[in-house]
């Protein structure tokens, strides 16, 4: 296991006095009390690092495990980011765990503030993105920037597109069509699988019925049915399934209880002014609360909320 030192931080001491910028400091403190991630952006030389250090220093007492700074300017390989974090946190590995697994195992229950500096050059390579592909002509360009192709409900039976996605070597997230039966959905997945791409993720996002109280009817029963009929992982999209923010939480709980392998949930810091689907988007605070509830529900059915890299069901090791 990871054995940290007794230190509760490594923030550098200020060599000179910090004058001015009270408004920025106040805004930074406010953001850090309500958000898990705050990014300071701007041209080089305007003092972003120093502002971050001052804000972290002022708030460090509110974090039981302290405030720590991680410098990534000299890290060129994204795979070495976990190693840099372990070194900055002064963790001592007593096992043969992978660096990322070790890091997540240590951080999962910690109240800790991280200041990550000079990471711009790693963002593109380290990010994981999902984007919807709607036409064969989009496959190449989306593949250059995204990690997972999403096939939306309207294209579930676009067989030409599905065949072409069978030849790519990236995962494909296949949403259930709005009027599709489970059998039709699984047969659509076969078009991708038959091309040699076995990394298919199914997504239940609600179907059209005569009910008008919700945007769609979220078919919870589809989850255990698919788990019985197919080896493919299935995730649930309660945001589209209900179309209402107040219903996302109970639908997400039900999906986990039914055996979903994951959830696709829309979150927005200002959903009432979102350009799309604001009515079904959760506030970040609501999402945090939901995740805490799901960590209680999952163990009751023999599952867990995954925080580490594991072998994916139906995807091999």
C-alpha atoms as a PDB file:
ATOM      1  CA  UNK A   1       0.000   0.000   0.000  1.00  0.00           C
ATOM      2  CA  UNK A   2       1.011   3.653  -0.351  1.00  0.00           C
ATOM      3  CA  UNK A   3       2.728   5.053   2.717  1.00  0.00           C
ATOM      4  CA  UNK A   4       2.731   8.867   2.768  1.00  0.00           C
ATOM      5  CA  UNK A   5       4.984  10.992   4.913  1.00  0.00           C
ATOM      6  CA  UNK A   6       3.578  12.915   7.858  1.00  0.00           C
ATOM      7  CA  UNK A   7       3.656  16.192   5.910  1.00  0.00           C
ATOM      8  CA  UNK A   8       0.341  17.805   5.043  1.00  0.00           C
ATOM      9  CA  UNK A   9       1.455  19.803   2.038  1.00  0.00           C
ATOM     10  CA  UNK A  10       4.346  21.030  -0.043  1.00  0.00           C
ATOM     11  CA  UNK A  11       3.268  24.515  -1.133  1.00  0.00           C
ATOM     12  CA  UNK A  12       6.295  26.762  -1.664  1.00  0.00           C
ATOM     13  CA  UNK A  13       6.762  29.714   0.665  1.00  0.00           C
ATOM     14  CA  UNK A  14       6.321  33.151  -0.868  1.00  0.00           C
ATOM     15  CA  UNK A  15       9.657  34.904  -1.369  1.00  0.00           C
ATOM     16  CA  UNK A  16       8.066  38.349  -1.557  1.00  0.00           C
ATOM     17  CA  UNK A  17       4.861  39.928  -0.318  1.00  0.00           C
ATOM     18  CA  UNK A  18       1.645  39.391  -2.296  1.00  0.00           C
ATOM     19  CA  UNK A  19       0.161  42.776  -3.152  1.00  0.00           C
ATOM     20  CA  UNK A  20      -3.224  43.432  -4.743  1.00  0.00           C
ATOM     21  CA  UNK A  21      -5.447  41.006  -6.680  1.00  0.00           C
ATOM     22  CA  UNK A  22      -7.903  40.785  -3.799  1.00  0.00           C
ATOM     23  CA  UNK A  23     -10.830  40.358  -6.162  1.00  0.00           C
ATOM     24  CA  UNK A  24      -9.167  37.420  -7.924  1.00  0.00           C
ATOM     25  CA  UNK A  25      -8.270  35.788  -4.611  1.00  0.00           C
ATOM     26  CA  UNK A  26     -11.827  36.175  -3.313  1.00  0.00           C
ATOM     27  CA  UNK A  27     -13.262  34.708  -6.519  1.00  0.00           C
ATOM     28  CA  UNK A  28     -10.817  31.784  -6.391  1.00  0.00           C
ATOM     29  CA  UNK A  29     -11.754  31.011  -2.788  1.00  0.00           C
ATOM     30  CA  UNK A  30     -15.436  31.098  -3.689  1.00  0.00           C
ATOM     31  CA  UNK A  31     -14.942  28.730  -6.632  1.00  0.00           C
ATOM     32  CA  UNK A  32     -12.905  26.262  -4.578  1.00  0.00           C
ATOM     33  CA  UNK A  33     -15.631  25.975  -1.960  1.00  0.00           C
ATOM     34  CA  UNK A  34     -18.226  24.864  -4.529  1.00  0.00           C
ATOM     35  CA  UNK A  35     -16.279  23.099  -7.293  1.00  0.00           C
ATOM     36  CA  UNK A  36     -13.870  20.179  -7.418  1.00  0.00           C
ATOM     37  CA  UNK A  37     -11.892  21.613 -10.324  1.00  0.00           C
ATOM     38  CA  UNK A  38     -10.937  25.236 -10.953  1.00  0.00           C
ATOM     39  CA  UNK A  39      -8.750  26.215 -13.937  1.00  0.00           C
ATOM     40  CA  UNK A  40      -6.766  29.456 -14.067  1.00  0.00           C
ATOM     41  CA  UNK A  41      -6.189  30.477 -17.670  1.00  0.00           C
ATOM     42  CA  UNK A  42      -4.494  33.408 -19.351  1.00  0.00           C
ATOM     43  CA  UNK A  43      -1.325  34.450 -21.168  1.00  0.00           C
ATOM     44  CA  UNK A  44       2.048  33.545 -19.738  1.00  0.00           C
ATOM     45  CA  UNK A  45       3.572  35.818 -17.116  1.00  0.00           C
ATOM     46  CA  UNK A  46       0.375  37.214 -15.594  1.00  0.00           C
ATOM     47  CA  UNK A  47       0.861  35.387 -12.282  1.00  0.00           C
ATOM     48  CA  UNK A  48      -1.490  32.398 -12.546  1.00  0.00           C
ATOM     49  CA  UNK A  49       0.852  30.131 -10.564  1.00  0.00           C
ATOM     50  CA  UNK A  50       1.332  32.620  -7.772  1.00  0.00           C
ATOM     51  CA  UNK A  51      -2.382  33.308  -7.580  1.00  0.00           C
ATOM     52  CA  UNK A  52      -3.079  29.561  -7.326  1.00  0.00           C
ATOM     53  CA  UNK A  53      -0.484  29.100  -4.586  1.00  0.00           C
ATOM     54  CA  UNK A  54      -1.863  32.009  -2.542  1.00  0.00           C
ATOM     55  CA  UNK A  55      -5.419  30.710  -2.863  1.00  0.00           C
ATOM     56  CA  UNK A  56      -4.361  27.185  -1.917  1.00  0.00           C
ATOM     57  CA  UNK A  57      -2.348  28.476   1.051  1.00  0.00           C
ATOM     58  CA  UNK A  58      -5.353  30.375   2.379  1.00  0.00           C
ATOM     59  CA  UNK A  59      -7.637  27.343   2.035  1.00  0.00           C
ATOM     60  CA  UNK A  60      -5.211  24.573   3.051  1.00  0.00           C
ATOM     61  CA  UNK A  61      -6.521  24.334   6.608  1.00  0.00           C
ATOM     62  CA  UNK A  62      -9.892  23.233   5.273  1.00  0.00           C
ATOM     63  CA  UNK A  63      -8.364  20.078   3.763  1.00  0.00           C
ATOM     64  CA  UNK A  64      -7.444  17.339   6.214  1.00  0.00           C
ATOM     65  CA  UNK A  65      -4.758  15.897   3.930  1.00  0.00           C
ATOM     66  CA  UNK A  66      -3.335  19.309   3.104  1.00  0.00           C
ATOM     67  CA  UNK A  67      -2.563  21.235  -0.061  1.00  0.00           C
ATOM     68  CA  UNK A  68       0.028  19.964  -2.529  1.00  0.00           C
ATOM     69  CA  UNK A  69       1.646  21.386  -5.643  1.00  0.00           C
ATOM     70  CA  UNK A  70       2.511  19.258  -8.683  1.00  0.00           C
ATOM     71  CA  UNK A  71       4.804  20.702 -11.356  1.00  0.00           C
ATOM     72  CA  UNK A  72       4.324  19.068 -14.775  1.00  0.00           C
ATOM     73  CA  UNK A  73       6.428  21.324 -16.996  1.00  0.00           C
ATOM     74  CA  UNK A  74       9.114  18.658 -17.462  1.00  0.00           C
ATOM     75  CA  UNK A  75       6.682  15.750 -17.955  1.00  0.00           C
ATOM     76  CA  UNK A  76       6.284  14.990 -21.668  1.00  0.00           C
ATOM     77  CA  UNK A  77       4.699  11.546 -21.568  1.00  0.00           C
ATOM     78  CA  UNK A  78       1.048  11.542 -20.350  1.00  0.00           C
ATOM     79  CA  UNK A  79       1.573   8.042 -18.959  1.00  0.00           C
ATOM     80  CA  UNK A  80       4.066   9.485 -16.469  1.00  0.00           C
ATOM     81  CA  UNK A  81       1.607  11.966 -14.932  1.00  0.00           C
ATOM     82  CA  UNK A  82       0.604   9.497 -12.141  1.00  0.00           C
ATOM     83  CA  UNK A  83       4.299   9.032 -11.309  1.00  0.00           C
ATOM     84  CA  UNK A  84       4.752  12.798 -11.034  1.00  0.00           C
ATOM     85  CA  UNK A  85       1.736  13.035  -8.726  1.00  0.00           C
ATOM     86  CA  UNK A  86       3.043  10.206  -6.531  1.00  0.00           C
ATOM     87  CA  UNK A  87       6.411  11.910  -6.253  1.00  0.00           C
ATOM     88  CA  UNK A  88       4.853  15.273  -5.383  1.00  0.00           C
ATOM     89  CA  UNK A  89       2.644  13.659  -2.729  1.00  0.00           C
ATOM     90  CA  UNK A  90       5.744  11.883  -1.389  1.00  0.00           C
ATOM     91  CA  UNK A  91       4.028   8.488  -1.463  1.00  0.00           C
ATOM     92  CA  UNK A  92       6.040   5.354  -0.831  1.00  0.00           C
ATOM     93  CA  UNK A  93       4.821   2.276  -2.703  1.00  0.00           C
ATOM     94  CA  UNK A  94       5.019  -0.957  -0.720  1.00  0.00           C
ATOM     95  CA  UNK A  95       3.287  -3.007  -3.429  1.00  0.00           C
ATOM     96  CA  UNK A  96       3.578  -3.816  -7.115  1.00  0.00           C
ATOM     97  CA  UNK A  97       0.492  -1.776  -8.029  1.00  0.00           C
ATOM     98  CA  UNK A  98       0.424   0.300 -11.190  1.00  0.00           C
ATOM     99  CA  UNK A  99       1.105   4.019 -10.473  1.00  0.00           C
ATOM    100  CA  UNK A 100      -2.403   5.106 -11.500  1.00  0.00           C
ATOM    101  CA  UNK A 101      -4.077   2.405  -9.390  1.00  0.00           C
ATOM    102  CA  UNK A 102      -1.876   3.316  -6.426  1.00  0.00           C
ATOM    103  CA  UNK A 103      -2.687   6.992  -6.797  1.00  0.00           C
ATOM    104  CA  UNK A 104      -6.443   6.429  -7.022  1.00  0.00           C
ATOM    105  CA  UNK A 105      -6.358   4.023  -4.080  1.00  0.00           C
ATOM    106  CA  UNK A 106      -4.715   6.702  -1.946  1.00  0.00           C
ATOM    107  CA  UNK A 107      -6.827   9.668  -3.076  1.00  0.00           C
ATOM    108  CA  UNK A 108     -10.289   8.093  -3.050  1.00  0.00           C
ATOM    109  CA  UNK A 109     -11.076   8.927   0.580  1.00  0.00           C
ATOM    110  CA  UNK A 110      -8.849  11.973   1.056  1.00  0.00           C
ATOM    111  CA  UNK A 111      -9.802  15.611   1.531  1.00  0.00           C
ATOM    112  CA  UNK A 112      -6.903  17.083  -0.365  1.00  0.00           C
ATOM    113  CA  UNK A 113      -6.210  20.140  -2.533  1.00  0.00           C
ATOM    114  CA  UNK A 114      -3.969  19.716  -5.574  1.00  0.00           C
ATOM    115  CA  UNK A 115      -2.375  22.621  -7.438  1.00  0.00           C
ATOM    116  CA  UNK A 116      -1.311  21.280 -10.842  1.00  0.00           C
ATOM    117  CA  UNK A 117       0.953  23.703 -12.682  1.00  0.00           C
ATOM    118  CA  UNK A 118       2.126  23.849 -16.320  1.00  0.00           C
ATOM    119  CA  UNK A 119      -0.059  21.021 -17.618  1.00  0.00           C
ATOM    120  CA  UNK A 120      -1.267  22.605 -20.870  1.00  0.00           C
ATOM    121  CA  UNK A 121       0.922  20.395 -23.064  1.00  0.00           C
ATOM    122  CA  UNK A 122      -0.596  17.241 -21.549  1.00  0.00           C
ATOM    123  CA  UNK A 123      -4.297  18.068 -21.801  1.00  0.00           C
ATOM    124  CA  UNK A 124      -4.874  16.858 -25.359  1.00  0.00           C
ATOM    125  CA  UNK A 125      -3.091  13.539 -24.936  1.00  0.00           C
ATOM    126  CA  UNK A 126      -4.469  12.786 -21.470  1.00  0.00           C
ATOM    127  CA  UNK A 127      -8.141  13.630 -22.025  1.00  0.00           C
ATOM    128  CA  UNK A 128     -10.802  11.041 -22.829  1.00  0.00           C
ATOM    129  CA  UNK A 129     -13.537  12.254 -25.148  1.00  0.00           C
ATOM    130  CA  UNK A 130     -16.738  10.820 -26.575  1.00  0.00           C
ATOM    131  CA  UNK A 131     -18.295  12.413 -29.645  1.00  0.00           C
ATOM    132  CA  UNK A 132     -21.297  11.524 -31.756  1.00  0.00           C
ATOM    133  CA  UNK A 133     -20.663  10.352 -35.298  1.00  0.00           C
ATOM    134  CA  UNK A 134     -23.613  10.849 -37.654  1.00  0.00           C
ATOM    135  CA  UNK A 135     -22.147  10.026 -41.050  1.00  0.00           C
ATOM    136  CA  UNK A 136     -19.453   7.812 -42.558  1.00  0.00           C
ATOM    137  CA  UNK A 137     -17.593  10.919 -43.717  1.00  0.00           C
ATOM    138  CA  UNK A 138     -17.069  12.006 -40.083  1.00  0.00           C
ATOM    139  CA  UNK A 139     -15.333   8.832 -38.887  1.00  0.00           C
ATOM    140  CA  UNK A 140     -11.769   9.839 -39.736  1.00  0.00           C
ATOM    141  CA  UNK A 141     -11.862  13.356 -38.324  1.00  0.00           C
ATOM    142  CA  UNK A 142     -13.629  12.295 -35.107  1.00  0.00           C
ATOM    143  CA  UNK A 143     -11.156   9.447 -34.690  1.00  0.00           C
ATOM    144  CA  UNK A 144      -8.264  11.915 -34.635  1.00  0.00           C
ATOM    145  CA  UNK A 145      -9.635  13.768 -31.626  1.00  0.00           C
ATOM    146  CA  UNK A 146     -11.928  11.407 -29.694  1.00  0.00           C
ATOM    147  CA  UNK A 147     -11.549   8.133 -27.866  1.00  0.00           C
ATOM    148  CA  UNK A 148     -15.075   6.731 -28.272  1.00  0.00           C
ATOM    149  CA  UNK A 149     -17.527   7.008 -31.160  1.00  0.00           C
ATOM    150  CA  UNK A 150     -21.124   7.582 -30.078  1.00  0.00           C
ATOM    151  CA  UNK A 151     -23.921   6.417 -32.361  1.00  0.00           C
ATOM    152  CA  UNK A 152     -27.080   8.289 -31.414  1.00  0.00           C
ATOM    153  CA  UNK A 153     -30.595   6.895 -31.258  1.00  0.00           C
ATOM    154  CA  UNK A 154     -31.454   8.241 -34.714  1.00  0.00           C
ATOM    155  CA  UNK A 155     -28.570   6.312 -36.286  1.00  0.00           C
ATOM    156  CA  UNK A 156     -29.019   3.005 -34.502  1.00  0.00           C
ATOM    157  CA  UNK A 157     -30.211   1.497 -37.782  1.00  0.00           C
ATOM    158  CA  UNK A 158     -27.834   3.383 -40.056  1.00  0.00           C
ATOM    159  CA  UNK A 159     -26.301   0.112 -41.189  1.00  0.00           C
ATOM    160  CA  UNK A 160     -23.774   1.690 -43.563  1.00  0.00           C
ATOM    161  CA  UNK A 161     -22.352   3.726 -40.669  1.00  0.00           C
ATOM    162  CA  UNK A 162     -22.369   0.725 -38.327  1.00  0.00           C
ATOM    163  CA  UNK A 163     -20.497  -1.433 -40.842  1.00  0.00           C
ATOM    164  CA  UNK A 164     -17.781   1.188 -41.233  1.00  0.00           C
ATOM    165  CA  UNK A 165     -17.427   1.506 -37.447  1.00  0.00           C
ATOM    166  CA  UNK A 166     -16.738  -2.214 -37.410  1.00  0.00           C
ATOM    167  CA  UNK A 167     -13.388  -1.483 -39.054  1.00  0.00           C
ATOM    168  CA  UNK A 168     -12.171   1.133 -36.562  1.00  0.00           C
ATOM    169  CA  UNK A 169     -10.209   0.155 -33.490  1.00  0.00           C
ATOM    170  CA  UNK A 170     -11.854   2.399 -30.966  1.00  0.00           C
ATOM    171  CA  UNK A 171     -14.897   1.729 -28.755  1.00  0.00           C
ATOM    172  CA  UNK A 172     -18.365   2.440 -30.128  1.00  0.00           C
ATOM    173  CA  UNK A 173     -21.175   3.578 -27.806  1.00  0.00           C
ATOM    174  CA  UNK A 174     -24.439   2.462 -29.405  1.00  0.00           C
ATOM    175  CA  UNK A 175     -27.602   4.124 -28.118  1.00  0.00           C
ATOM    176  CA  UNK A 176     -30.935   2.359 -28.376  1.00  0.00           C
ATOM    177  CA  UNK A 177     -33.258   3.734 -31.038  1.00  0.00           C
ATOM    178  CA  UNK A 178     -36.285   5.627 -29.829  1.00  0.00           C
ATOM    179  CA  UNK A 179     -38.677   2.946 -31.166  1.00  0.00           C
ATOM    180  CA  UNK A 180     -36.319  -0.039 -31.233  1.00  0.00           C
ATOM    181  CA  UNK A 181     -36.923  -3.355 -29.553  1.00  0.00           C
ATOM    182  CA  UNK A 182     -34.124  -4.928 -27.569  1.00  0.00           C
ATOM    183  CA  UNK A 183     -33.649  -7.526 -30.307  1.00  0.00           C
ATOM    184  CA  UNK A 184     -33.273  -4.830 -32.983  1.00  0.00           C
ATOM    185  CA  UNK A 185     -30.793  -3.000 -30.780  1.00  0.00           C
ATOM    186  CA  UNK A 186     -28.635  -6.089 -30.283  1.00  0.00           C
ATOM    187  CA  UNK A 187     -28.769  -6.902 -33.994  1.00  0.00           C
ATOM    188  CA  UNK A 188     -27.548  -3.383 -34.770  1.00  0.00           C
ATOM    189  CA  UNK A 189     -24.570  -4.036 -32.506  1.00  0.00           C
ATOM    190  CA  UNK A 190     -23.814  -7.125 -34.590  1.00  0.00           C
ATOM    191  CA  UNK A 191     -23.080  -4.915 -37.603  1.00  0.00           C
ATOM    192  CA  UNK A 192     -20.183  -3.374 -35.658  1.00  0.00           C
ATOM    193  CA  UNK A 193     -19.035  -6.658 -34.163  1.00  0.00           C
ATOM    194  CA  UNK A 194     -19.038  -8.424 -37.528  1.00  0.00           C
ATOM    195  CA  UNK A 195     -16.416  -5.987 -38.820  1.00  0.00           C
ATOM    196  CA  UNK A 196     -13.980  -7.036 -36.112  1.00  0.00           C
ATOM    197  CA  UNK A 197     -14.558  -4.256 -33.592  1.00  0.00           C
ATOM    198  CA  UNK A 198     -15.575  -5.996 -30.374  1.00  0.00           C
ATOM    199  CA  UNK A 199     -15.453  -2.835 -28.233  1.00  0.00           C
ATOM    200  CA  UNK A 200     -19.156  -2.031 -28.288  1.00  0.00           C
ATOM    201  CA  UNK A 201     -20.973  -0.344 -25.400  1.00  0.00           C
ATOM    202  CA  UNK A 202     -24.766  -0.412 -25.347  1.00  0.00           C
ATOM    203  CA  UNK A 203     -26.661   2.568 -23.927  1.00  0.00           C
ATOM    204  CA  UNK A 204     -30.294   2.537 -22.780  1.00  0.00           C
ATOM    205  CA  UNK A 205     -31.602   6.103 -23.200  1.00  0.00           C
ATOM    206  CA  UNK A 206     -35.376   5.686 -23.135  1.00  0.00           C
ATOM    207  CA  UNK A 207     -37.938   4.773 -25.779  1.00  0.00           C
ATOM    208  CA  UNK A 208     -41.071   6.387 -27.197  1.00  0.00           C
ATOM    209  CA  UNK A 209     -44.381   5.315 -25.685  1.00  0.00           C
ATOM    210  CA  UNK A 210     -47.829   6.897 -25.355  1.00  0.00           C
ATOM    211  CA  UNK A 211     -46.733   8.551 -22.068  1.00  0.00           C
ATOM    212  CA  UNK A 212     -46.298  12.333 -22.278  1.00  0.00           C
ATOM    213  CA  UNK A 213     -45.288  13.186 -18.708  1.00  0.00           C
ATOM    214  CA  UNK A 214     -41.619  12.586 -19.534  1.00  0.00           C
ATOM    215  CA  UNK A 215     -39.489  13.185 -22.614  1.00  0.00           C
ATOM    216  CA  UNK A 216     -39.079   9.413 -23.101  1.00  0.00           C
ATOM    217  CA  UNK A 217     -39.932   6.291 -21.139  1.00  0.00           C
ATOM    218  CA  UNK A 218     -36.774   5.015 -19.455  1.00  0.00           C
ATOM    219  CA  UNK A 219     -36.791   1.236 -19.914  1.00  0.00           C
ATOM    220  CA  UNK A 220     -35.127  -0.036 -16.737  1.00  0.00           C
ATOM    221  CA  UNK A 221     -36.105  -3.616 -17.593  1.00  0.00           C
ATOM    222  CA  UNK A 222     -33.868  -3.487 -20.683  1.00  0.00           C
ATOM    223  CA  UNK A 223     -30.776  -3.531 -18.475  1.00  0.00           C
ATOM    224  CA  UNK A 224     -31.209  -7.007 -16.912  1.00  0.00           C
ATOM    225  CA  UNK A 225     -32.566  -8.342 -20.217  1.00  0.00           C
ATOM    226  CA  UNK A 226     -29.447  -7.228 -22.107  1.00  0.00           C
ATOM    227  CA  UNK A 227     -27.177  -8.563 -19.369  1.00  0.00           C
ATOM    228  CA  UNK A 228     -28.836 -11.942 -19.797  1.00  0.00           C
ATOM    229  CA  UNK A 229     -28.786 -11.981 -23.612  1.00  0.00           C
ATOM    230  CA  UNK A 230     -25.437 -10.350 -24.372  1.00  0.00           C
ATOM    231  CA  UNK A 231     -21.854 -10.188 -23.173  1.00  0.00           C
ATOM    232  CA  UNK A 232     -21.663  -6.495 -24.075  1.00  0.00           C
ATOM    233  CA  UNK A 233     -21.490  -3.857 -21.324  1.00  0.00           C
ATOM    234  CA  UNK A 234     -24.594  -1.702 -20.962  1.00  0.00           C
ATOM    235  CA  UNK A 235     -24.768   1.804 -19.554  1.00  0.00           C
ATOM    236  CA  UNK A 236     -27.802   3.982 -18.871  1.00  0.00           C
ATOM    237  CA  UNK A 237     -28.584   7.575 -19.843  1.00  0.00           C
ATOM    238  CA  UNK A 238     -31.210   8.787 -17.334  1.00  0.00           C
ATOM    239  CA  UNK A 239     -30.816  12.375 -18.542  1.00  0.00           C
ATOM    240  CA  UNK A 240     -32.371  11.642 -21.937  1.00  0.00           C
ATOM    241  CA  UNK A 241     -34.487   8.845 -20.502  1.00  0.00           C
ATOM    242  CA  UNK A 242     -36.531  11.230 -18.369  1.00  0.00           C
ATOM    243  CA  UNK A 243     -35.722  14.621 -19.859  1.00  0.00           C
ATOM    244  CA  UNK A 244     -36.279  16.245 -16.473  1.00  0.00           C
ATOM    245  CA  UNK A 245     -33.608  17.205 -13.961  1.00  0.00           C
ATOM    246  CA  UNK A 246     -35.703  16.177 -10.961  1.00  0.00           C
ATOM    247  CA  UNK A 247     -36.045  12.636 -12.320  1.00  0.00           C
ATOM    248  CA  UNK A 248     -32.403  11.976 -13.206  1.00  0.00           C
ATOM    249  CA  UNK A 249     -31.427  11.021  -9.644  1.00  0.00           C
ATOM    250  CA  UNK A 250     -34.119   8.346  -9.037  1.00  0.00           C
ATOM    251  CA  UNK A 251     -33.631   6.937 -12.554  1.00  0.00           C
ATOM    252  CA  UNK A 252     -29.866   6.740 -12.029  1.00  0.00           C
ATOM    253  CA  UNK A 253     -30.357   4.934  -8.714  1.00  0.00           C
ATOM    254  CA  UNK A 254     -32.721   2.465 -10.376  1.00  0.00           C
ATOM    255  CA  UNK A 255     -30.318   1.864 -13.270  1.00  0.00           C
ATOM    256  CA  UNK A 256     -27.469   0.978 -10.917  1.00  0.00           C
ATOM    257  CA  UNK A 257     -29.754  -1.294  -8.902  1.00  0.00           C
ATOM    258  CA  UNK A 258     -30.832  -2.991 -12.151  1.00  0.00           C
ATOM    259  CA  UNK A 259     -27.218  -3.802 -13.025  1.00  0.00           C
ATOM    260  CA  UNK A 260     -26.033  -1.013 -15.342  1.00  0.00           C
ATOM    261  CA  UNK A 261     -22.283  -1.016 -15.953  1.00  0.00           C
ATOM    262  CA  UNK A 262     -22.161   2.761 -16.088  1.00  0.00           C
ATOM    263  CA  UNK A 263     -24.141   5.984 -16.325  1.00  0.00           C
ATOM    264  CA  UNK A 264     -24.172   8.789 -18.876  1.00  0.00           C
ATOM    265  CA  UNK A 265     -25.349  11.930 -17.073  1.00  0.00           C
ATOM    266  CA  UNK A 266     -25.492  15.522 -18.261  1.00  0.00           C
ATOM    267  CA  UNK A 267     -24.063  18.117 -15.845  1.00  0.00           C
ATOM    268  CA  UNK A 268     -23.935  21.887 -16.368  1.00  0.00           C
ATOM    269  CA  UNK A 269     -22.864  24.720 -14.078  1.00  0.00           C
ATOM    270  CA  UNK A 270     -25.743  26.904 -15.317  1.00  0.00           C
ATOM    271  CA  UNK A 271     -28.309  24.539 -16.881  1.00  0.00           C
ATOM    272  CA  UNK A 272     -31.066  27.142 -17.059  1.00  0.00           C
ATOM    273  CA  UNK A 273     -28.975  29.016 -19.627  1.00  0.00           C
ATOM    274  CA  UNK A 274     -27.521  25.975 -21.427  1.00  0.00           C
ATOM    275  CA  UNK A 275     -27.707  26.036 -25.208  1.00  0.00           C
ATOM    276  CA  UNK A 276     -28.980  22.446 -25.303  1.00  0.00           C
ATOM    277  CA  UNK A 277     -30.811  20.049 -22.960  1.00  0.00           C
ATOM    278  CA  UNK A 278     -30.641  22.363 -19.960  1.00  0.00           C
ATOM    279  CA  UNK A 279     -33.892  20.997 -18.524  1.00  0.00           C
ATOM    280  CA  UNK A 280     -32.323  17.582 -18.031  1.00  0.00           C
ATOM    281  CA  UNK A 281     -28.850  18.715 -16.910  1.00  0.00           C
ATOM    282  CA  UNK A 282     -27.859  18.458 -13.250  1.00  0.00           C
ATOM    283  CA  UNK A 283     -26.004  21.026 -11.201  1.00  0.00           C
ATOM    284  CA  UNK A 284     -22.494  19.872 -10.131  1.00  0.00           C
ATOM    285  CA  UNK A 285     -23.585  19.778  -6.477  1.00  0.00           C
ATOM    286  CA  UNK A 286     -26.492  17.485  -7.394  1.00  0.00           C
ATOM    287  CA  UNK A 287     -24.133  15.200  -9.286  1.00  0.00           C
ATOM    288  CA  UNK A 288     -21.758  14.982  -6.303  1.00  0.00           C
ATOM    289  CA  UNK A 289     -24.649  14.050  -4.037  1.00  0.00           C
ATOM    290  CA  UNK A 290     -25.868  11.426  -6.517  1.00  0.00           C
ATOM    291  CA  UNK A 291     -22.429   9.807  -6.683  1.00  0.00           C
ATOM    292  CA  UNK A 292     -22.340   9.580  -2.885  1.00  0.00           C
ATOM    293  CA  UNK A 293     -25.732   7.842  -2.933  1.00  0.00           C
ATOM    294  CA  UNK A 294     -24.675   5.414  -5.668  1.00  0.00           C
ATOM    295  CA  UNK A 295     -21.641   4.359  -3.645  1.00  0.00           C
ATOM    296  CA  UNK A 296     -24.122   3.159  -1.021  1.00  0.00           C
ATOM    297  CA  UNK A 297     -26.474   1.416  -3.470  1.00  0.00           C
ATOM    298  CA  UNK A 298     -23.854  -0.428  -5.529  1.00  0.00           C
ATOM    299  CA  UNK A 299     -22.396  -2.608  -2.713  1.00  0.00           C
ATOM    300  CA  UNK A 300     -25.908  -3.731  -1.765  1.00  0.00           C
ATOM    301  CA  UNK A 301     -26.131  -5.614  -5.081  1.00  0.00           C
ATOM    302  CA  UNK A 302     -22.539  -6.822  -5.111  1.00  0.00           C
ATOM    303  CA  UNK A 303     -21.237  -4.028  -7.367  1.00  0.00           C
ATOM    304  CA  UNK A 304     -18.905  -1.102  -6.794  1.00  0.00           C
ATOM    305  CA  UNK A 305     -18.394   2.364  -8.219  1.00  0.00           C
ATOM    306  CA  UNK A 306     -15.207   1.909 -10.202  1.00  0.00           C
ATOM    307  CA  UNK A 307     -12.370   4.302  -9.421  1.00  0.00           C
ATOM    308  CA  UNK A 308      -9.595   2.187 -10.864  1.00  0.00           C
ATOM    309  CA  UNK A 309      -8.651   0.688 -14.200  1.00  0.00           C
ATOM    310  CA  UNK A 310     -10.193  -2.788 -14.409  1.00  0.00           C
ATOM    311  CA  UNK A 311     -10.913  -5.398 -17.066  1.00  0.00           C
ATOM    312  CA  UNK A 312     -14.184  -4.469 -18.749  1.00  0.00           C
ATOM    313  CA  UNK A 313     -16.890  -7.094 -19.043  1.00  0.00           C
ATOM    314  CA  UNK A 314     -16.942  -8.390 -22.584  1.00  0.00           C
ATOM    315  CA  UNK A 315     -13.876  -6.360 -23.596  1.00  0.00           C
ATOM    316  CA  UNK A 316     -11.153  -8.784 -22.564  1.00  0.00           C
ATOM    317  CA  UNK A 317      -8.375  -7.842 -20.171  1.00  0.00           C
END
